[in-house]
Amino acid sequence: MNKILNLLGLAARARMITLGEEFVIKTLPKGPNNLVFLASDAGKNISAKIKNKTKSYGALLINSFTTDELSKAIGKENRKVILITDKGFIDKFIEYLNS
């Protein structure tokens, strides 16, 4: 799991992420391959909304990290939703998840 958080930080430094509920929802329909990190301690409303959107657009959802873990990984405070749009990063995340 530490590898995933390190890779998330690298994606943030490469500016291959979208942060925040509103921006993630706007960006999801634009790309065929998307990966969404949703904090496990996010509120009911935001969780339901993001889960519905990822399901309808076929995006992969990872819900196994807390807000603190996600925030520390990208170097920003209080981040609950993170979207990865780069295929190379998505492939690497999937590789780490399957190992």
C-alpha atoms as a PDB file:
ATOM      1  CA  MET A   1       0.000   0.000   0.000  1.00  0.00           C
ATOM      2  CA  ASN A   2       2.949   2.303   0.600  1.00  0.00           C
ATOM      3  CA  LYS A   3       3.955   1.931  -3.066  1.00  0.00           C
ATOM      4  CA  ILE A   4       0.534   3.170  -4.122  1.00  0.00           C
ATOM      5  CA  LEU A   5       0.780   6.273  -1.941  1.00  0.00           C
ATOM      6  CA  ASN A   6       4.306   6.982  -3.219  1.00  0.00           C
ATOM      7  CA  LEU A   7       3.086   6.664  -6.811  1.00  0.00           C
ATOM      8  CA  LEU A   8       0.179   8.969  -6.008  1.00  0.00           C
ATOM      9  CA  GLY A   9       2.677  11.579  -4.812  1.00  0.00           C
ATOM     10  CA  LEU A  10       4.657  11.163  -8.025  1.00  0.00           C
ATOM     11  CA  ALA A  11       1.482  11.622 -10.102  1.00  0.00           C
ATOM     12  CA  ALA A  12       0.736  14.796  -8.142  1.00  0.00           C
ATOM     13  CA  ARG A  13       4.197  16.193  -8.825  1.00  0.00           C
ATOM     14  CA  ALA A  14       3.760  15.321 -12.512  1.00  0.00           C
ATOM     15  CA  ARG A  15       0.421  17.203 -12.459  1.00  0.00           C
ATOM     16  CA  MET A  16      -1.520  14.177 -13.638  1.00  0.00           C
ATOM     17  CA  ILE A  17      -4.230  14.440 -10.977  1.00  0.00           C
ATOM     18  CA  THR A  18      -7.476  16.330 -10.508  1.00  0.00           C
ATOM     19  CA  LEU A  19      -8.497  17.279  -6.982  1.00  0.00           C
ATOM     20  CA  GLY A  20     -11.862  18.012  -5.438  1.00  0.00           C
ATOM     21  CA  GLU A  21     -15.367  16.670  -5.850  1.00  0.00           C
ATOM     22  CA  GLU A  22     -16.619  19.242  -8.373  1.00  0.00           C
ATOM     23  CA  PHE A  23     -13.576  19.032 -10.647  1.00  0.00           C
ATOM     24  CA  VAL A  24     -13.512  15.237 -10.532  1.00  0.00           C
ATOM     25  CA  ILE A  25     -17.185  15.021 -11.515  1.00  0.00           C
ATOM     26  CA  LYS A  26     -16.603  17.455 -14.413  1.00  0.00           C
ATOM     27  CA  THR A  27     -13.505  15.595 -15.646  1.00  0.00           C
ATOM     28  CA  LEU A  28     -14.795  11.995 -15.377  1.00  0.00           C
ATOM     29  CA  PRO A  29     -16.824  12.028 -18.636  1.00  0.00           C
ATOM     30  CA  LYS A  30     -13.883  13.389 -20.649  1.00  0.00           C
ATOM     31  CA  GLY A  31     -11.602  10.357 -20.413  1.00  0.00           C
ATOM     32  CA  PRO A  32     -12.184   6.698 -21.188  1.00  0.00           C
ATOM     33  CA  ASN A  33      -9.671   5.480 -18.585  1.00  0.00           C
ATOM     34  CA  ASN A  34      -9.926   7.046 -15.166  1.00  0.00           C
ATOM     35  CA  LEU A  35      -8.960   6.031 -11.653  1.00  0.00           C
ATOM     36  CA  VAL A  36     -10.537   7.689  -8.621  1.00  0.00           C
ATOM     37  CA  PHE A  37      -9.237   7.632  -5.065  1.00  0.00           C
ATOM     38  CA  LEU A  38     -12.021   8.253  -2.560  1.00  0.00           C
ATOM     39  CA  ALA A  39     -11.152   8.601   1.110  1.00  0.00           C
ATOM     40  CA  SER A  40     -12.624   5.817   3.217  1.00  0.00           C
ATOM     41  CA  ASP A  41     -13.691   8.378   5.823  1.00  0.00           C
ATOM     42  CA  ALA A  42     -15.440  10.711   3.343  1.00  0.00           C
ATOM     43  CA  GLY A  43     -18.999  11.747   4.115  1.00  0.00           C
ATOM     44  CA  LYS A  44     -22.066   9.847   2.925  1.00  0.00           C
ATOM     45  CA  ASN A  45     -23.131  12.421   0.335  1.00  0.00           C
ATOM     46  CA  ILE A  46     -19.760  12.762  -1.372  1.00  0.00           C
ATOM     47  CA  SER A  47     -19.203   8.987  -1.248  1.00  0.00           C
ATOM     48  CA  ALA A  48     -22.558   8.223  -2.839  1.00  0.00           C
ATOM     49  CA  LYS A  49     -22.111  10.855  -5.530  1.00  0.00           C
ATOM     50  CA  ILE A  50     -18.587   9.746  -6.487  1.00  0.00           C
ATOM     51  CA  LYS A  51     -19.501   6.036  -6.423  1.00  0.00           C
ATOM     52  CA  ASN A  52     -22.464   6.659  -8.744  1.00  0.00           C
ATOM     53  CA  LYS A  53     -20.387   8.727 -11.167  1.00  0.00           C
ATOM     54  CA  THR A  54     -17.504   6.251 -11.302  1.00  0.00           C
ATOM     55  CA  LYS A  55     -19.942   3.413 -11.926  1.00  0.00           C
ATOM     56  CA  SER A  56     -21.759   5.243 -14.712  1.00  0.00           C
ATOM     57  CA  TYR A  57     -18.526   6.288 -16.466  1.00  0.00           C
ATOM     58  CA  GLY A  58     -16.704   2.994 -15.919  1.00  0.00           C
ATOM     59  CA  ALA A  59     -13.899   4.437 -13.810  1.00  0.00           C
ATOM     60  CA  LEU A  60     -11.963   2.359 -11.310  1.00  0.00           C
ATOM     61  CA  LEU A  61     -12.574   3.368  -7.673  1.00  0.00           C
ATOM     62  CA  ILE A  62     -10.101   2.850  -4.839  1.00  0.00           C
ATOM     63  CA  ASN A  63     -11.595   3.397  -1.405  1.00  0.00           C
ATOM     64  CA  SER A  64      -8.940   1.950   0.910  1.00  0.00           C
ATOM     65  CA  PHE A  65      -7.110   5.062   2.134  1.00  0.00           C
ATOM     66  CA  THR A  66      -8.097   7.700   4.668  1.00  0.00           C
ATOM     67  CA  THR A  67      -8.194  11.441   4.085  1.00  0.00           C
ATOM     68  CA  ASP A  68      -4.933  11.851   6.009  1.00  0.00           C
ATOM     69  CA  GLU A  69      -3.126   9.204   3.953  1.00  0.00           C
ATOM     70  CA  LEU A  70      -4.266  10.697   0.636  1.00  0.00           C
ATOM     71  CA  SER A  71      -3.492  14.238   1.766  1.00  0.00           C
ATOM     72  CA  LYS A  72       0.017  13.379   2.939  1.00  0.00           C
ATOM     73  CA  ALA A  73       0.744  11.482  -0.274  1.00  0.00           C
ATOM     74  CA  ILE A  74       0.039  14.493  -2.492  1.00  0.00           C
ATOM     75  CA  GLY A  75       1.225  17.191  -0.095  1.00  0.00           C
ATOM     76  CA  LYS A  76      -2.124  18.979   0.244  1.00  0.00           C
ATOM     77  CA  GLU A  77      -4.461  19.190   3.216  1.00  0.00           C
ATOM     78  CA  ASN A  78      -7.912  17.625   3.585  1.00  0.00           C
ATOM     79  CA  ARG A  79      -8.250  15.898   0.180  1.00  0.00           C
ATOM     80  CA  LYS A  80     -10.996  13.303  -0.108  1.00  0.00           C
ATOM     81  CA  VAL A  81     -11.293  12.758  -3.874  1.00  0.00           C
ATOM     82  CA  ILE A  82      -8.418  12.419  -6.349  1.00  0.00           C
ATOM     83  CA  LEU A  83      -8.738  11.578 -10.040  1.00  0.00           C
ATOM     84  CA  ILE A  84      -5.894  10.077 -12.082  1.00  0.00           C
ATOM     85  CA  THR A  85      -6.321  10.499 -15.838  1.00  0.00           C
ATOM     86  CA  ASP A  86      -2.923   9.417 -17.205  1.00  0.00           C
ATOM     87  CA  LYS A  87      -2.969   5.879 -18.624  1.00  0.00           C
ATOM     88  CA  GLY A  88       0.639   5.154 -17.645  1.00  0.00           C
ATOM     89  CA  PHE A  89      -0.017   5.991 -14.011  1.00  0.00           C
ATOM     90  CA  ILE A  90      -3.304   4.068 -14.030  1.00  0.00           C
ATOM     91  CA  ASP A  91      -1.578   0.958 -15.387  1.00  0.00           C
ATOM     92  CA  LYS A  92       1.075   1.178 -12.665  1.00  0.00           C
ATOM     93  CA  PHE A  93      -1.567   1.622  -9.941  1.00  0.00           C
ATOM     94  CA  ILE A  94      -3.405  -1.460 -11.213  1.00  0.00           C
ATOM     95  CA  GLU A  95      -0.135  -3.415 -11.256  1.00  0.00           C
ATOM     96  CA  TYR A  96       0.537  -2.450  -7.620  1.00  0.00           C
ATOM     97  CA  LEU A  97      -3.030  -3.295  -6.590  1.00  0.00           C
ATOM     98  CA  ASN A  98      -2.810  -6.758  -8.161  1.00  0.00           C
ATOM     99  CA  SER A  99       0.524  -7.608  -6.548  1.00  0.00           C
END
